[in-house]
Amino acid sequence: MVKECIWEKKFGLKKKSTEKGKGKKIFGLEKKPTEKKNKKKIQKNKNIWGGTKRKIGLKKETEKEKERKIKINSKEKEKKNWEKNKDKERNRFKKKDQKK
């Protein structure tokens, strides 16, 4: 097959398309076939009521990540409790001083 292309307009040459998968030779240079990037496939799952849900390939949480989240949450809770208790103790000492 002979295809018309930019090369024909510029140089008066005709470029022949080679077989699929093989590189194209232009002026002695080899062009490798372009590879398509693998995009994440969006799966459409039909809903019971006729709608569609879109699912993108999500990573499943590993056990280590779950443990990290639990640790972070527990630390935040401890900080909040510590701040509350600190205020309570201050108030308690203030009341004692006022009574005296």
N, C-alpha and C. Protein backbone atom coordinates (compact mmCIF):
# COMPACT_ATOMS: atom_id res chain seq x y z
N MET A 1 0.84 -1.19 0.00
CA MET A 1 0.00 0.00 0.00
C MET A 1 0.88 1.25 0.00
N VAL A 2 0.46 2.20 -0.78
CA VAL A 2 1.20 3.46 -0.83
C VAL A 2 0.32 4.53 -0.21
N LYS A 3 0.88 5.22 0.78
CA LYS A 3 0.10 6.26 1.46
C LYS A 3 0.68 7.63 1.12
N GLU A 4 -0.22 8.60 0.96
CA GLU A 4 0.25 9.97 0.77
C GLU A 4 0.54 10.54 2.15
N CYS A 5 1.59 11.29 2.26
CA CYS A 5 1.93 11.86 3.56
C CYS A 5 2.70 13.16 3.37
N ILE A 6 3.18 13.69 4.48
CA ILE A 6 3.90 14.96 4.46
C ILE A 6 5.16 14.86 3.60
N TRP A 7 5.80 13.68 3.62
CA TRP A 7 7.04 13.50 2.88
C TRP A 7 6.84 13.72 1.38
N GLU A 8 5.67 13.30 0.90
CA GLU A 8 5.39 13.46 -0.53
C GLU A 8 5.29 14.93 -0.89
N LYS A 9 4.64 15.70 -0.01
CA LYS A 9 4.46 17.13 -0.29
C LYS A 9 5.80 17.86 -0.23
N LYS A 10 6.63 17.51 0.78
CA LYS A 10 7.89 18.24 0.96
C LYS A 10 8.94 17.84 -0.08
N PHE A 11 9.15 16.55 -0.23
CA PHE A 11 10.29 16.09 -1.02
C PHE A 11 9.90 15.39 -2.32
N GLY A 12 8.60 15.24 -2.56
CA GLY A 12 8.17 14.54 -3.76
C GLY A 12 8.44 13.05 -3.66
N LEU A 13 8.45 12.51 -2.43
CA LEU A 13 8.71 11.08 -2.23
C LEU A 13 7.44 10.40 -1.76
N LYS A 14 7.35 9.12 -1.99
CA LYS A 14 6.23 8.35 -1.47
C LYS A 14 6.76 7.36 -0.45
N LYS A 15 6.11 7.36 0.72
CA LYS A 15 6.54 6.46 1.80
C LYS A 15 5.65 5.23 1.79
N LYS A 16 6.26 4.06 1.77
CA LYS A 16 5.48 2.83 1.78
C LYS A 16 5.31 2.37 3.22
N SER A 17 4.08 1.97 3.55
CA SER A 17 3.85 1.47 4.91
C SER A 17 4.33 0.03 4.98
N THR A 18 5.09 -0.27 6.03
CA THR A 18 5.62 -1.62 6.18
C THR A 18 4.63 -2.48 6.94
N GLU A 19 5.00 -3.72 7.17
CA GLU A 19 4.11 -4.62 7.91
C GLU A 19 3.98 -4.16 9.35
N LYS A 20 2.92 -4.59 9.97
CA LYS A 20 2.66 -4.18 11.36
C LYS A 20 3.74 -4.72 12.27
N GLY A 21 4.13 -3.90 13.24
CA GLY A 21 5.10 -4.33 14.24
C GLY A 21 6.54 -4.05 13.85
N LYS A 22 6.79 -3.85 12.57
CA LYS A 22 8.16 -3.56 12.15
C LYS A 22 8.34 -2.05 12.06
N GLY A 23 9.55 -1.60 12.30
CA GLY A 23 9.83 -0.17 12.25
C GLY A 23 9.80 0.35 10.82
N LYS A 24 9.49 1.64 10.66
CA LYS A 24 9.46 2.23 9.33
C LYS A 24 10.81 2.88 9.05
N LYS A 25 11.30 2.70 7.85
CA LYS A 25 12.59 3.29 7.49
C LYS A 25 12.35 4.55 6.67
N ILE A 26 12.87 5.67 7.19
CA ILE A 26 12.78 6.93 6.46
C ILE A 26 14.19 7.50 6.39
N PHE A 27 14.73 7.64 5.20
CA PHE A 27 16.08 8.16 4.98
C PHE A 27 17.11 7.40 5.81
N GLY A 28 16.96 6.10 5.92
CA GLY A 28 17.94 5.28 6.64
C GLY A 28 17.74 5.25 8.14
N LEU A 29 16.80 6.05 8.66
CA LEU A 29 16.54 6.03 10.10
C LEU A 29 15.42 5.04 10.39
N GLU A 30 15.53 4.34 11.48
CA GLU A 30 14.48 3.39 11.84
C GLU A 30 13.58 4.00 12.89
N LYS A 31 12.31 4.00 12.62
CA LYS A 31 11.33 4.48 13.59
C LYS A 31 10.65 3.28 14.21
N LYS A 32 10.70 3.20 15.53
CA LYS A 32 10.02 2.10 16.19
C LYS A 32 8.54 2.41 16.28
N PRO A 33 7.69 1.40 16.23
CA PRO A 33 6.25 1.65 16.33
C PRO A 33 5.91 2.20 17.72
N THR A 34 5.01 3.16 17.74
CA THR A 34 4.65 3.80 19.02
C THR A 34 3.85 2.83 19.87
N GLU A 35 4.16 2.84 21.15
CA GLU A 35 3.45 1.96 22.08
C GLU A 35 2.36 2.75 22.77
N LYS A 36 1.19 2.17 22.82
CA LYS A 36 0.08 2.83 23.51
C LYS A 36 0.28 2.68 25.00
N LYS A 37 0.02 3.76 25.73
CA LYS A 37 0.14 3.70 27.18
C LYS A 37 -1.05 2.93 27.74
N ASN A 38 -0.76 2.12 28.74
CA ASN A 38 -1.84 1.35 29.36
C ASN A 38 -2.60 2.26 30.30
N LYS A 39 -3.81 2.58 29.92
CA LYS A 39 -4.66 3.42 30.77
C LYS A 39 -5.48 2.52 31.67
N LYS A 40 -5.87 3.08 32.82
CA LYS A 40 -6.69 2.30 33.73
C LYS A 40 -8.06 2.09 33.09
N LYS A 41 -8.47 0.85 33.07
CA LYS A 41 -9.76 0.54 32.47
C LYS A 41 -10.86 0.85 33.47
N ILE A 42 -11.89 1.51 33.00
CA ILE A 42 -13.03 1.80 33.85
C ILE A 42 -14.09 0.75 33.57
N GLN A 43 -14.41 0.00 34.60
CA GLN A 43 -15.43 -1.03 34.43
C GLN A 43 -16.78 -0.44 34.80
N LYS A 44 -17.76 -0.71 33.97
CA LYS A 44 -19.11 -0.25 34.28
C LYS A 44 -19.92 -1.44 34.77
N ASN A 45 -20.37 -1.36 35.99
CA ASN A 45 -21.22 -2.42 36.53
C ASN A 45 -22.65 -1.91 36.58
N LYS A 46 -23.55 -2.69 36.03
CA LYS A 46 -24.94 -2.24 36.02
C LYS A 46 -25.54 -2.38 37.41
N ASN A 47 -26.27 -1.37 37.79
CA ASN A 47 -26.92 -1.34 39.09
C ASN A 47 -28.27 -2.04 38.98
N ILE A 48 -28.88 -2.38 40.10
CA ILE A 48 -30.18 -3.06 40.08
C ILE A 48 -31.24 -2.16 39.45
N TRP A 49 -31.14 -0.84 39.73
CA TRP A 49 -32.17 0.08 39.26
C TRP A 49 -31.83 0.70 37.91
N GLY A 50 -30.90 0.08 37.18
CA GLY A 50 -30.64 0.53 35.81
C GLY A 50 -29.50 1.53 35.69
N GLY A 51 -28.99 2.06 36.80
CA GLY A 51 -27.87 2.99 36.73
C GLY A 51 -26.56 2.24 36.54
N THR A 52 -25.48 2.97 36.42
CA THR A 52 -24.18 2.32 36.29
C THR A 52 -23.24 2.84 37.36
N LYS A 53 -22.43 1.94 37.88
CA LYS A 53 -21.40 2.33 38.84
C LYS A 53 -20.07 2.26 38.11
N ARG A 54 -19.22 3.22 38.35
CA ARG A 54 -17.91 3.20 37.73
C ARG A 54 -16.89 2.75 38.75
N LYS A 55 -16.12 1.76 38.38
CA LYS A 55 -15.07 1.28 39.27
C LYS A 55 -13.73 1.47 38.57
N ILE A 56 -12.84 2.19 39.22
CA ILE A 56 -11.49 2.34 38.69
C ILE A 56 -10.62 1.38 39.47
N GLY A 57 -9.63 0.79 38.80
CA GLY A 57 -8.76 -0.18 39.46
C GLY A 57 -8.14 0.40 40.72
N LEU A 58 -8.69 0.10 41.88
CA LEU A 58 -8.21 0.63 43.15
C LEU A 58 -7.28 -0.37 43.81
N LYS A 59 -6.36 0.16 44.59
CA LYS A 59 -5.46 -0.71 45.33
C LYS A 59 -6.17 -1.20 46.58
N LYS A 60 -5.95 -2.44 46.92
CA LYS A 60 -6.49 -2.96 48.17
C LYS A 60 -5.54 -2.58 49.29
N GLU A 61 -6.11 -2.20 50.43
CA GLU A 61 -5.27 -1.81 51.57
C GLU A 61 -4.58 -3.04 52.14
N THR A 62 -3.30 -2.90 52.33
CA THR A 62 -2.56 -3.99 52.94
C THR A 62 -2.69 -3.90 54.45
N GLU A 63 -2.26 -4.94 55.13
CA GLU A 63 -2.38 -4.97 56.59
C GLU A 63 -1.52 -3.89 57.24
N LYS A 64 -0.34 -3.63 56.67
CA LYS A 64 0.54 -2.61 57.23
C LYS A 64 -0.11 -1.24 57.18
N GLU A 65 -0.76 -0.92 56.06
CA GLU A 65 -1.41 0.38 55.93
C GLU A 65 -2.54 0.52 56.93
N LYS A 66 -3.30 -0.56 57.15
CA LYS A 66 -4.38 -0.52 58.13
C LYS A 66 -3.82 -0.26 59.52
N GLU A 67 -2.71 -0.95 59.86
CA GLU A 67 -2.10 -0.76 61.18
C GLU A 67 -1.63 0.67 61.36
N ARG A 68 -1.05 1.25 60.30
CA ARG A 68 -0.59 2.64 60.38
C ARG A 68 -1.75 3.58 60.67
N LYS A 69 -2.86 3.37 59.96
CA LYS A 69 -4.02 4.24 60.17
C LYS A 69 -4.52 4.14 61.60
N ILE A 70 -4.56 2.92 62.12
CA ILE A 70 -5.03 2.71 63.49
C ILE A 70 -4.11 3.43 64.47
N LYS A 71 -2.78 3.33 64.25
CA LYS A 71 -1.82 3.99 65.14
C LYS A 71 -2.00 5.50 65.10
N ILE A 72 -2.16 6.05 63.92
CA ILE A 72 -2.32 7.50 63.78
C ILE A 72 -3.58 7.97 64.49
N ASN A 73 -4.68 7.24 64.29
CA ASN A 73 -5.94 7.61 64.94
C ASN A 73 -5.82 7.55 66.45
N SER A 74 -5.14 6.52 66.97
CA SER A 74 -5.01 6.37 68.42
C SER A 74 -4.16 7.51 68.99
N LYS A 75 -3.12 7.93 68.27
CA LYS A 75 -2.28 9.04 68.74
C LYS A 75 -3.08 10.34 68.79
N GLU A 76 -3.92 10.57 67.78
CA GLU A 76 -4.74 11.78 67.77
C GLU A 76 -5.71 11.78 68.93
N LYS A 77 -6.31 10.64 69.22
CA LYS A 77 -7.24 10.54 70.34
C LYS A 77 -6.53 10.83 71.66
N GLU A 78 -5.31 10.29 71.82
CA GLU A 78 -4.55 10.52 73.04
C GLU A 78 -4.26 12.00 73.23
N LYS A 79 -3.90 12.69 72.15
CA LYS A 79 -3.61 14.12 72.24
C LYS A 79 -4.85 14.89 72.69
N LYS A 80 -6.00 14.57 72.11
CA LYS A 80 -7.24 15.27 72.47
C LYS A 80 -7.57 15.04 73.94
N ASN A 81 -7.46 13.79 74.38
CA ASN A 81 -7.75 13.47 75.78
C ASN A 81 -6.78 14.20 76.71
N TRP A 82 -5.52 14.27 76.32
CA TRP A 82 -4.52 14.92 77.15
C TRP A 82 -4.83 16.40 77.32
N GLU A 83 -5.25 17.05 76.20
CA GLU A 83 -5.60 18.47 76.27
C GLU A 83 -6.81 18.69 77.18
N LYS A 84 -7.80 17.83 77.08
CA LYS A 84 -9.00 17.96 77.93
C LYS A 84 -8.62 17.81 79.40
N ASN A 85 -7.83 16.79 79.70
CA ASN A 85 -7.44 16.54 81.08
C ASN A 85 -6.60 17.69 81.63
N LYS A 86 -5.76 18.28 80.78
CA LYS A 86 -4.92 19.39 81.20
C LYS A 86 -5.79 20.57 81.66
N ASP A 87 -6.84 20.86 80.88
CA ASP A 87 -7.75 21.95 81.23
C ASP A 87 -8.49 21.64 82.53
N LYS A 88 -8.90 20.40 82.71
CA LYS A 88 -9.61 20.02 83.93
C LYS A 88 -8.73 20.22 85.16
N GLU A 89 -7.46 19.83 85.07
CA GLU A 89 -6.55 19.97 86.21
C GLU A 89 -6.32 21.44 86.54
N ARG A 90 -6.17 22.27 85.52
CA ARG A 90 -5.99 23.71 85.76
C ARG A 90 -7.17 24.27 86.53
N ASN A 91 -8.38 23.92 86.06
CA ASN A 91 -9.58 24.43 86.72
C ASN A 91 -9.65 23.94 88.16
N ARG A 92 -9.25 22.72 88.39
CA ARG A 92 -9.31 22.15 89.73
C ARG A 92 -8.39 22.93 90.69
N PHE A 93 -7.18 23.23 90.21
CA PHE A 93 -6.24 23.98 91.04
C PHE A 93 -6.75 25.41 91.28
N LYS A 94 -7.38 26.01 90.26
CA LYS A 94 -7.91 27.36 90.42
C LYS A 94 -8.98 27.39 91.49
N LYS A 95 -9.85 26.38 91.49
CA LYS A 95 -10.93 26.33 92.47
C LYS A 95 -10.37 26.20 93.88
N LYS A 96 -9.33 25.38 94.04
CA LYS A 96 -8.71 25.20 95.36
C LYS A 96 -8.13 26.52 95.86
N ASP A 97 -7.47 27.26 94.96
CA ASP A 97 -6.87 28.53 95.34
C ASP A 97 -7.95 29.55 95.71
N GLN A 98 -9.08 29.52 95.01
CA GLN A 98 -10.15 30.47 95.30
C GLN A 98 -10.78 30.20 96.66
N LYS A 99 -10.90 28.92 97.02
CA LYS A 99 -11.50 28.56 98.30
C LYS A 99 -10.63 29.04 99.46
N LYS A 100 -9.33 28.99 99.28
CA LYS A 100 -8.42 29.42 100.34
C LYS A 100 -8.47 30.92 100.43
